[in-house]
């Protein structure tokens, strides 16, 4: 974008941005803002970002997907007292 187009957009924007007249923002300030924006580096090409590129066929073969295992219920162990033999207690173990 050229500087003249930048100034025109700031002074007469389209959309919801409010216009900034020369009383609010001077030409010098706009020149400084434009110089800053032009100095920013361009973003990287998405094809060079590994997380954004799909894996190749050979990479798909080496990828391992961990299967989901449903947690098993805790085993029931009878209480050792003969009179309370009808009762059970839960035993919790770490997976």
PDB file of N, CA and C in Angstrom:
ATOM      1  N   UNK A   1       0.845  -1.170   0.000  1.00  0.00           N
ATOM      2  CA  UNK A   1       0.000   0.000   0.000  1.00  0.00           C
ATOM      3  C   UNK A   1       0.894   1.236   0.000  1.00  0.00           C
ATOM      4  N   UNK A   2       0.582   2.157  -0.851  1.00  0.00           N
ATOM      5  CA  UNK A   2       1.359   3.396  -0.926  1.00  0.00           C
ATOM      6  C   UNK A   2       0.906   4.358   0.165  1.00  0.00           C
ATOM      7  N   UNK A   3       1.793   5.305   0.489  1.00  0.00           N
ATOM      8  CA  UNK A   3       1.513   6.255   1.559  1.00  0.00           C
ATOM      9  C   UNK A   3       0.254   7.067   1.278  1.00  0.00           C
ATOM     10  N   UNK A   4       0.045   7.481   0.034  1.00  0.00           N
ATOM     11  CA  UNK A   4      -1.145   8.293  -0.283  1.00  0.00           C
ATOM     12  C   UNK A   4      -2.425   7.492  -0.058  1.00  0.00           C
ATOM     13  N   UNK A   5      -2.412   6.207  -0.397  1.00  0.00           N
ATOM     14  CA  UNK A   5      -3.590   5.358  -0.152  1.00  0.00           C
ATOM     15  C   UNK A   5      -3.800   5.157   1.343  1.00  0.00           C
ATOM     16  N   UNK A   6      -2.708   5.035   2.082  1.00  0.00           N
ATOM     17  CA  UNK A   6      -2.784   4.889   3.534  1.00  0.00           C
ATOM     18  C   UNK A   6      -3.435   6.120   4.158  1.00  0.00           C
ATOM     19  N   UNK A   7      -2.983   7.302   3.772  1.00  0.00           N
ATOM     20  CA  UNK A   7      -3.537   8.553   4.319  1.00  0.00           C
ATOM     21  C   UNK A   7      -5.003   8.678   3.936  1.00  0.00           C
ATOM     22  N   UNK A   8      -5.341   8.348   2.702  1.00  0.00           N
ATOM     23  CA  UNK A   8      -6.737   8.442   2.249  1.00  0.00           C
ATOM     24  C   UNK A   8      -7.626   7.514   3.085  1.00  0.00           C
ATOM     25  N   UNK A   9      -7.137   6.315   3.375  1.00  0.00           N
ATOM     26  CA  UNK A   9      -7.938   5.384   4.179  1.00  0.00           C
ATOM     27  C   UNK A   9      -8.100   5.889   5.611  1.00  0.00           C
ATOM     28  N   UNK A  10      -7.054   6.477   6.190  1.00  0.00           N
ATOM     29  CA  UNK A  10      -7.142   7.002   7.560  1.00  0.00           C
ATOM     30  C   UNK A  10      -8.123   8.176   7.617  1.00  0.00           C
ATOM     31  N   UNK A  11      -8.084   9.006   6.604  1.00  0.00           N
ATOM     32  CA  UNK A  11      -8.948  10.194   6.591  1.00  0.00           C
ATOM     33  C   UNK A  11     -10.386   9.844   6.207  1.00  0.00           C
ATOM     34  N   UNK A  12     -10.592   8.896   5.304  1.00  0.00           N
ATOM     35  CA  UNK A  12     -11.940   8.508   4.842  1.00  0.00           C
ATOM     36  C   UNK A  12     -12.039   6.978   4.812  1.00  0.00           C
ATOM     37  N   UNK A  13     -12.156   6.366   5.974  1.00  0.00           N
ATOM     38  CA  UNK A  13     -12.178   4.895   6.022  1.00  0.00           C
ATOM     39  C   UNK A  13     -13.502   4.315   5.547  1.00  0.00           C
ATOM     40  N   UNK A  14     -13.439   3.066   5.160  1.00  0.00           N
ATOM     41  CA  UNK A  14     -14.672   2.332   4.859  1.00  0.00           C
ATOM     42  C   UNK A  14     -14.883   1.342   5.995  1.00  0.00           C
ATOM     43  N   UNK A  15     -16.085   1.022   6.286  1.00  0.00           N
ATOM     44  CA  UNK A  15     -16.354   0.111   7.398  1.00  0.00           C
ATOM     45  C   UNK A  15     -16.649   0.873   8.677  1.00  0.00           C
ATOM     46  N   UNK A  16     -16.296   0.278   9.791  1.00  0.00           N
ATOM     47  CA  UNK A  16     -16.643   0.848  11.093  1.00  0.00           C
ATOM     48  C   UNK A  16     -15.553   1.714  11.715  1.00  0.00           C
ATOM     49  N   UNK A  17     -14.396   1.807  11.079  1.00  0.00           N
ATOM     50  CA  UNK A  17     -13.324   2.635  11.635  1.00  0.00           C
ATOM     51  C   UNK A  17     -13.704   4.114  11.538  1.00  0.00           C
ATOM     52  N   UNK A  18     -13.532   4.868  12.625  1.00  0.00           N
ATOM     53  CA  UNK A  18     -13.845   6.301  12.559  1.00  0.00           C
ATOM     54  C   UNK A  18     -12.771   7.049  11.758  1.00  0.00           C
ATOM     55  N   UNK A  19     -13.143   8.124  11.095  1.00  0.00           N
ATOM     56  CA  UNK A  19     -12.136   8.896  10.359  1.00  0.00           C
ATOM     57  C   UNK A  19     -11.261   9.705  11.318  1.00  0.00           C
ATOM     58  N   UNK A  20      -9.996   9.866  10.942  1.00  0.00           N
ATOM     59  CA  UNK A  20      -9.059  10.681  11.720  1.00  0.00           C
ATOM     60  C   UNK A  20      -8.683  11.885  10.875  1.00  0.00           C
ATOM     61  N   UNK A  21      -9.187  13.026  11.266  1.00  0.00           N
ATOM     62  CA  UNK A  21      -8.910  14.259  10.516  1.00  0.00           C
ATOM     63  C   UNK A  21      -7.499  14.755  10.821  1.00  0.00           C
ATOM     64  N   UNK A  22      -7.074  15.781  10.095  1.00  0.00           N
ATOM     65  CA  UNK A  22      -5.736  16.350  10.321  1.00  0.00           C
ATOM     66  C   UNK A  22      -5.641  17.047  11.681  1.00  0.00           C
ATOM     67  N   UNK A  23      -6.793  17.370  12.303  1.00  0.00           N
ATOM     68  CA  UNK A  23      -6.783  17.955  13.644  1.00  0.00           C
ATOM     69  C   UNK A  23      -6.402  16.904  14.691  1.00  0.00           C
ATOM     70  N   UNK A  24      -6.757  15.666  14.406  1.00  0.00           N
ATOM     71  CA  UNK A  24      -6.482  14.578  15.354  1.00  0.00           C
ATOM     72  C   UNK A  24      -5.103  13.974  15.093  1.00  0.00           C
ATOM     73  N   UNK A  25      -4.802  13.666  13.837  1.00  0.00           N
ATOM     74  CA  UNK A  25      -3.542  13.030  13.454  1.00  0.00           C
ATOM     75  C   UNK A  25      -2.904  13.830  12.329  1.00  0.00           C
ATOM     76  N   UNK A  26      -1.721  14.350  12.567  1.00  0.00           N
ATOM     77  CA  UNK A  26      -1.038  15.165  11.559  1.00  0.00           C
ATOM     78  C   UNK A  26      -0.420  14.277  10.474  1.00  0.00           C
ATOM     79  N   UNK A  27       0.002  14.905   9.386  1.00  0.00           N
ATOM     80  CA  UNK A  27       0.668  14.180   8.299  1.00  0.00           C
ATOM     81  C   UNK A  27       1.982  13.566   8.786  1.00  0.00           C
ATOM     82  N   UNK A  28       2.666  14.275   9.668  1.00  0.00           N
ATOM     83  CA  UNK A  28       3.934  13.767  10.206  1.00  0.00           C
ATOM     84  C   UNK A  28       3.706  12.508  11.032  1.00  0.00           C
ATOM     85  N   UNK A  29       2.656  12.529  11.866  1.00  0.00           N
ATOM     86  CA  UNK A  29       2.336  11.337  12.664  1.00  0.00           C
ATOM     87  C   UNK A  29       1.936  10.177  11.769  1.00  0.00           C
ATOM     88  N   UNK A  30       1.160  10.454  10.722  1.00  0.00           N
ATOM     89  CA  UNK A  30       0.782   9.393   9.787  1.00  0.00           C
ATOM     90  C   UNK A  30       2.009   8.835   9.067  1.00  0.00           C
ATOM     91  N   UNK A  31       2.954   9.704   8.742  1.00  0.00           N
ATOM     92  CA  UNK A  31       4.192   9.250   8.102  1.00  0.00           C
ATOM     93  C   UNK A  31       4.979   8.342   9.042  1.00  0.00           C
ATOM     94  N   UNK A  32       5.013   8.679  10.331  1.00  0.00           N
ATOM     95  CA  UNK A  32       5.696   7.835  11.308  1.00  0.00           C
ATOM     96  C   UNK A  32       4.999   6.477  11.457  1.00  0.00           C
ATOM     97  N   UNK A  33       3.678   6.484  11.525  1.00  0.00           N
ATOM     98  CA  UNK A  33       2.910   5.239  11.636  1.00  0.00           C
ATOM     99  C   UNK A  33       3.129   4.379  10.390  1.00  0.00           C
ATOM    100  N   UNK A  34       3.083   5.003   9.219  1.00  0.00           N
ATOM    101  CA  UNK A  34       3.288   4.279   7.964  1.00  0.00           C
ATOM    102  C   UNK A  34       4.696   3.677   7.911  1.00  0.00           C
ATOM    103  N   UNK A  35       5.703   4.441   8.325  1.00  0.00           N
ATOM    104  CA  UNK A  35       7.084   3.938   8.327  1.00  0.00           C
ATOM    105  C   UNK A  35       7.225   2.745   9.265  1.00  0.00           C
ATOM    106  N   UNK A  36       6.562   2.815  10.410  1.00  0.00           N
ATOM    107  CA  UNK A  36       6.605   1.683  11.345  1.00  0.00           C
ATOM    108  C   UNK A  36       5.962   0.449  10.725  1.00  0.00           C
ATOM    109  N   UNK A  37       4.772   0.610  10.142  1.00  0.00           N
ATOM    110  CA  UNK A  37       4.072  -0.531   9.555  1.00  0.00           C
ATOM    111  C   UNK A  37       4.854  -1.149   8.401  1.00  0.00           C
ATOM    112  N   UNK A  38       5.494  -0.316   7.606  1.00  0.00           N
ATOM    113  CA  UNK A  38       6.280  -0.832   6.478  1.00  0.00           C
ATOM    114  C   UNK A  38       7.534  -1.556   6.981  1.00  0.00           C
ATOM    115  N   UNK A  39       8.052  -1.152   8.131  1.00  0.00           N
ATOM    116  CA  UNK A  39       9.273  -1.772   8.655  1.00  0.00           C
ATOM    117  C   UNK A  39       9.031  -3.152   9.270  1.00  0.00           C
ATOM    118  N   UNK A  40       7.783  -3.498   9.548  1.00  0.00           N
ATOM    119  CA  UNK A  40       7.495  -4.802  10.145  1.00  0.00           C
ATOM    120  C   UNK A  40       7.814  -5.910   9.148  1.00  0.00           C
ATOM    121  N   UNK A  41       8.381  -7.030   9.625  1.00  0.00           N
ATOM    122  CA  UNK A  41       8.698  -8.126   8.712  1.00  0.00           C
ATOM    123  C   UNK A  41       7.419  -8.794   8.205  1.00  0.00           C
ATOM    124  N   UNK A  42       7.502  -9.330   7.008  1.00  0.00           N
ATOM    125  CA  UNK A  42       6.369 -10.055   6.441  1.00  0.00           C
ATOM    126  C   UNK A  42       6.205 -11.372   7.183  1.00  0.00           C
ATOM    127  N   UNK A  43       4.972 -11.864   7.312  1.00  0.00           N
ATOM    128  CA  UNK A  43       4.779 -13.142   8.001  1.00  0.00           C
ATOM    129  C   UNK A  43       5.388 -14.288   7.187  1.00  0.00           C
ATOM    130  N   UNK A  44       5.706 -15.359   7.868  1.00  0.00           N
ATOM    131  CA  UNK A  44       6.286 -16.532   7.218  1.00  0.00           C
ATOM    132  C   UNK A  44       5.264 -17.189   6.299  1.00  0.00           C
ATOM    133  N   UNK A  45       5.761 -17.811   5.260  1.00  0.00           N
ATOM    134  CA  UNK A  45       4.902 -18.553   4.346  1.00  0.00           C
ATOM    135  C   UNK A  45       4.323 -19.750   5.109  1.00  0.00           C
ATOM    136  N   UNK A  46       3.000 -19.946   5.096  1.00  0.00           N
ATOM    137  CA  UNK A  46       2.407 -21.057   5.846  1.00  0.00           C
ATOM    138  C   UNK A  46       2.983 -22.419   5.474  1.00  0.00           C
ATOM    139  N   UNK A  47       3.493 -22.561   4.256  1.00  0.00           N
ATOM    140  CA  UNK A  47       4.063 -23.848   3.838  1.00  0.00           C
ATOM    141  C   UNK A  47       5.374 -24.151   4.554  1.00  0.00           C
ATOM    142  N   UNK A  48       6.006 -23.132   5.140  1.00  0.00           N
ATOM    143  CA  UNK A  48       7.266 -23.342   5.849  1.00  0.00           C
ATOM    144  C   UNK A  48       7.067 -23.607   7.338  1.00  0.00           C
ATOM    145  N   UNK A  49       5.826 -23.553   7.830  1.00  0.00           N
ATOM    146  CA  UNK A  49       5.537 -23.785   9.245  1.00  0.00           C
ATOM    147  C   UNK A  49       5.137 -25.250   9.418  1.00  0.00           C
ATOM    148  N   UNK A  50       5.935 -26.052  10.129  1.00  0.00           N
ATOM    149  CA  UNK A  50       5.677 -27.488  10.218  1.00  0.00           C
ATOM    150  C   UNK A  50       4.288 -27.858  10.748  1.00  0.00           C
ATOM    151  N   UNK A  51       3.780 -27.112  11.720  1.00  0.00           N
ATOM    152  CA  UNK A  51       2.467 -27.454  12.279  1.00  0.00           C
ATOM    153  C   UNK A  51       1.320 -27.199  11.308  1.00  0.00           C
ATOM    154  N   UNK A  52       1.556 -26.381  10.297  1.00  0.00           N
ATOM    155  CA  UNK A  52       0.501 -26.044   9.345  1.00  0.00           C
ATOM    156  C   UNK A  52       0.552 -26.884   8.075  1.00  0.00           C
ATOM    157  N   UNK A  53       1.586 -27.682   7.915  1.00  0.00           N
ATOM    158  CA  UNK A  53       1.694 -28.505   6.711  1.00  0.00           C
ATOM    159  C   UNK A  53       1.277 -29.930   7.032  1.00  0.00           C
ATOM    160  N   UNK A  54       0.524 -30.570   6.162  1.00  0.00           N
ATOM    161  CA  UNK A  54       0.116 -31.947   6.420  1.00  0.00           C
ATOM    162  C   UNK A  54       1.318 -32.885   6.332  1.00  0.00           C
ATOM    163  N   UNK A  55       1.310 -33.975   7.082  1.00  0.00           N
ATOM    164  CA  UNK A  55       2.437 -34.906   7.044  1.00  0.00           C
ATOM    165  C   UNK A  55       2.487 -35.643   5.699  1.00  0.00           C
ATOM    166  N   UNK A  56       3.695 -36.003   5.302  1.00  0.00           N
ATOM    167  CA  UNK A  56       3.860 -36.754   4.057  1.00  0.00           C
ATOM    168  C   UNK A  56       3.438 -38.200   4.291  1.00  0.00           C
ATOM    169  N   UNK A  57       3.374 -38.984   3.228  1.00  0.00           N
ATOM    170  CA  UNK A  57       2.944 -40.385   3.330  1.00  0.00           C
ATOM    171  C   UNK A  57       3.890 -41.181   4.224  1.00  0.00           C
ATOM    172  N   UNK A  58       5.199 -40.938   4.112  1.00  0.00           N
ATOM    173  CA  UNK A  58       6.153 -41.670   4.953  1.00  0.00           C
ATOM    174  C   UNK A  58       6.027 -41.263   6.418  1.00  0.00           C
ATOM    175  N   UNK A  59       5.724 -39.991   6.678  1.00  0.00           N
ATOM    176  CA  UNK A  59       5.540 -39.543   8.056  1.00  0.00           C
ATOM    177  C   UNK A  59       4.272 -40.125   8.659  1.00  0.00           C
ATOM    178  N   UNK A  60       3.235 -40.303   7.841  1.00  0.00           N
ATOM    179  CA  UNK A  60       1.991 -40.880   8.356  1.00  0.00           C
ATOM    180  C   UNK A  60       2.211 -42.303   8.831  1.00  0.00           C
ATOM    181  N   UNK A  61       3.078 -43.053   8.125  1.00  0.00           N
ATOM    182  CA  UNK A  61       3.336 -44.440   8.505  1.00  0.00           C
ATOM    183  C   UNK A  61       4.050 -44.521   9.847  1.00  0.00           C
ATOM    184  N   UNK A  62       4.898 -43.536  10.136  1.00  0.00           N
ATOM    185  CA  UNK A  62       5.661 -43.584  11.382  1.00  0.00           C
ATOM    186  C   UNK A  62       4.913 -42.968  12.557  1.00  0.00           C
ATOM    187  N   UNK A  63       3.822 -42.281  12.286  1.00  0.00           N
ATOM    188  CA  UNK A  63       3.057 -41.671  13.370  1.00  0.00           C
ATOM    189  C   UNK A  63       2.279 -42.747  14.119  1.00  0.00           C
ATOM    190  N   UNK A  64       2.374 -42.712  15.429  1.00  0.00           N
ATOM    191  CA  UNK A  64       1.630 -43.665  16.242  1.00  0.00           C
ATOM    192  C   UNK A  64       0.564 -42.914  17.018  1.00  0.00           C
ATOM    193  N   UNK A  65      -0.636 -43.409  16.943  1.00  0.00           N
ATOM    194  CA  UNK A  65      -1.739 -42.801  17.663  1.00  0.00           C
ATOM    195  C   UNK A  65      -2.029 -43.670  18.873  1.00  0.00           C
ATOM    196  N   UNK A  66      -2.044 -43.057  20.021  1.00  0.00           N
ATOM    197  CA  UNK A  66      -2.307 -43.790  21.243  1.00  0.00           C
ATOM    198  C   UNK A  66      -3.803 -44.071  21.333  1.00  0.00           C
ATOM    199  N   UNK A  67      -4.145 -45.329  21.486  1.00  0.00           N
ATOM    200  CA  UNK A  67      -5.549 -45.725  21.560  1.00  0.00           C
ATOM    201  C   UNK A  67      -6.113 -45.357  22.929  1.00  0.00           C
ATOM    202  N   UNK A  68      -7.370 -44.991  22.923  1.00  0.00           N
ATOM    203  CA  UNK A  68      -8.053 -44.652  24.176  1.00  0.00           C
ATOM    204  C   UNK A  68      -8.529 -45.938  24.825  1.00  0.00           C
ATOM    205  N   UNK A  69      -8.212 -46.098  26.088  1.00  0.00           N
ATOM    206  CA  UNK A  69      -8.705 -47.260  26.826  1.00  0.00           C
ATOM    207  C   UNK A  69      -9.701 -46.789  27.870  1.00  0.00           C
ATOM    208  N   UNK A  70     -10.843 -47.447  27.883  1.00  0.00           N
ATOM    209  CA  UNK A  70     -11.862 -47.108  28.871  1.00  0.00           C
ATOM    210  C   UNK A  70     -11.380 -47.574  30.246  1.00  0.00           C
ATOM    211  N   UNK A  71     -11.493 -46.736  31.268  1.00  0.00           N
ATOM    212  CA  UNK A  71     -11.052 -47.150  32.600  1.00  0.00           C
ATOM    213  C   UNK A  71     -11.889 -48.324  33.109  1.00  0.00           C
ATOM    214  N   UNK A  72     -11.227 -49.253  33.739  1.00  0.00           N
ATOM    215  CA  UNK A  72     -11.902 -50.425  34.299  1.00  0.00           C
ATOM    216  C   UNK A  72     -12.436 -50.094  35.697  1.00  0.00           C
ATOM    217  N   UNK A  73     -13.573 -50.657  36.061  1.00  0.00           N
ATOM    218  CA  UNK A  73     -14.085 -50.392  37.410  1.00  0.00           C
ATOM    219  C   UNK A  73     -13.160 -51.007  38.457  1.00  0.00           C
ATOM    220  N   UNK A  74     -13.161 -50.418  39.635  1.00  0.00           N
ATOM    221  CA  UNK A  74     -12.327 -50.923  40.724  1.00  0.00           C
ATOM    222  C   UNK A  74     -12.842 -52.280  41.172  1.00  0.00           C
ATOM    223  N   UNK A  75     -11.935 -53.211  41.470  1.00  0.00           N
ATOM    224  CA  UNK A  75     -12.373 -54.548  41.907  1.00  0.00           C
ATOM    225  C   UNK A  75     -13.009 -54.496  43.287  1.00  0.00           C
ATOM    226  N   UNK A  76     -13.898 -55.401  43.514  1.00  0.00           N
ATOM    227  CA  UNK A  76     -14.570 -55.504  44.810  1.00  0.00           C
ATOM    228  C   UNK A  76     -13.895 -56.616  45.619  1.00  0.00           C
ATOM    229  N   UNK A  77     -13.439 -56.289  46.827  1.00  0.00           N
ATOM    230  CA  UNK A  77     -12.784 -57.272  47.685  1.00  0.00           C
ATOM    231  C   UNK A  77     -13.657 -57.466  48.915  1.00  0.00           C
ATOM    232  N   UNK A  78     -13.993 -58.722  49.202  1.00  0.00           N
ATOM    233  CA  UNK A  78     -14.845 -58.961  50.386  1.00  0.00           C
ATOM    234  C   UNK A  78     -14.095 -58.635  51.672  1.00  0.00           C
ATOM    235  N   UNK A  79     -14.874 -58.191  52.657  1.00  0.00           N
ATOM    236  CA  UNK A  79     -14.309 -57.909  53.970  1.00  0.00           C
ATOM    237  C   UNK A  79     -14.142 -59.249  54.677  1.00  0.00           C
ATOM    238  N   UNK A  80     -13.069 -59.395  55.460  1.00  0.00           N
ATOM    239  CA  UNK A  80     -12.701 -60.699  56.002  1.00  0.00           C
ATOM    240  C   UNK A  80     -13.546 -61.168  57.188  1.00  0.00           C
ATOM    241  N   UNK A  81     -14.316 -60.320  57.788  1.00  0.00           N
ATOM    242  CA  UNK A  81     -15.105 -60.738  58.939  1.00  0.00           C
ATOM    243  C   UNK A  81     -16.234 -61.652  58.479  1.00  0.00           C
ATOM    244  N   UNK A  82     -16.413 -62.802  59.116  1.00  0.00           N
ATOM    245  CA  UNK A  82     -17.482 -63.727  58.691  1.00  0.00           C
ATOM    246  C   UNK A  82     -18.878 -63.133  58.831  1.00  0.00           C
ATOM    247  N   UNK A  83     -19.094 -62.332  59.857  1.00  0.00           N
ATOM    248  CA  UNK A  83     -20.436 -61.815  60.045  1.00  0.00           C
ATOM    249  C   UNK A  83     -20.740 -60.701  59.038  1.00  0.00           C
ATOM    250  N   UNK A  84     -19.703 -59.980  58.489  1.00  0.00           N
ATOM    251  CA  UNK A  84     -19.897 -58.929  57.504  1.00  0.00           C
ATOM    252  C   UNK A  84     -19.500 -59.396  56.100  1.00  0.00           C
ATOM    253  N   UNK A  85     -19.617 -60.682  55.863  1.00  0.00           N
ATOM    254  CA  UNK A  85     -19.163 -61.211  54.579  1.00  0.00           C
ATOM    255  C   UNK A  85     -20.008 -60.700  53.412  1.00  0.00           C
ATOM    256  N   UNK A  86     -21.213 -60.228  53.683  1.00  0.00           N
ATOM    257  CA  UNK A  86     -22.051 -59.700  52.606  1.00  0.00           C
ATOM    258  C   UNK A  86     -21.605 -58.297  52.160  1.00  0.00           C
ATOM    259  N   UNK A  87     -20.745 -57.636  52.950  1.00  0.00           N
ATOM    260  CA  UNK A  87     -20.264 -56.308  52.608  1.00  0.00           C
ATOM    261  C   UNK A  87     -18.995 -56.407  51.759  1.00  0.00           C
ATOM    262  N   UNK A  88     -18.825 -55.424  50.915  1.00  0.00           N
ATOM    263  CA  UNK A  88     -17.574 -55.339  50.145  1.00  0.00           C
ATOM    264  C   UNK A  88     -17.051 -53.921  50.252  1.00  0.00           C
ATOM    265  N   UNK A  89     -15.787 -53.754  49.948  1.00  0.00           N
ATOM    266  CA  UNK A  89     -15.216 -52.422  49.928  1.00  0.00           C
ATOM    267  C   UNK A  89     -14.490 -52.232  48.599  1.00  0.00           C
ATOM    268  N   UNK A  90     -14.431 -50.982  48.171  1.00  0.00           N
ATOM    269  CA  UNK A  90     -13.755 -50.666  46.920  1.00  0.00           C
ATOM    270  C   UNK A  90     -12.247 -50.557  47.128  1.00  0.00           C
ATOM    271  N   UNK A  91     -11.525 -51.054  46.180  1.00  0.00           N
ATOM    272  CA  UNK A  91     -10.072 -50.896  46.192  1.00  0.00           C
ATOM    273  C   UNK A  91      -9.724 -50.036  44.984  1.00  0.00           C
ATOM    274  N   UNK A  92      -9.119 -48.904  45.244  1.00  0.00           N
ATOM    275  CA  UNK A  92      -8.776 -47.994  44.163  1.00  0.00           C
ATOM    276  C   UNK A  92      -7.295 -48.152  43.842  1.00  0.00           C
ATOM    277  N   UNK A  93      -7.027 -48.398  42.604  1.00  0.00           N
ATOM    278  CA  UNK A  93      -5.641 -48.498  42.164  1.00  0.00           C
ATOM    279  C   UNK A  93      -5.385 -47.447  41.110  1.00  0.00           C
ATOM    280  N   UNK A  94      -4.152 -47.024  41.031  1.00  0.00           N
ATOM    281  CA  UNK A  94      -3.783 -46.058  39.998  1.00  0.00           C
ATOM    282  C   UNK A  94      -3.626 -46.785  38.669  1.00  0.00           C
ATOM    283  N   UNK A  95      -4.087 -46.134  37.586  1.00  0.00           N
ATOM    284  CA  UNK A  95      -3.942 -46.783  36.286  1.00  0.00           C
ATOM    285  C   UNK A  95      -2.494 -46.833  35.835  1.00  0.00           C
TER     286      UNK A  95
END
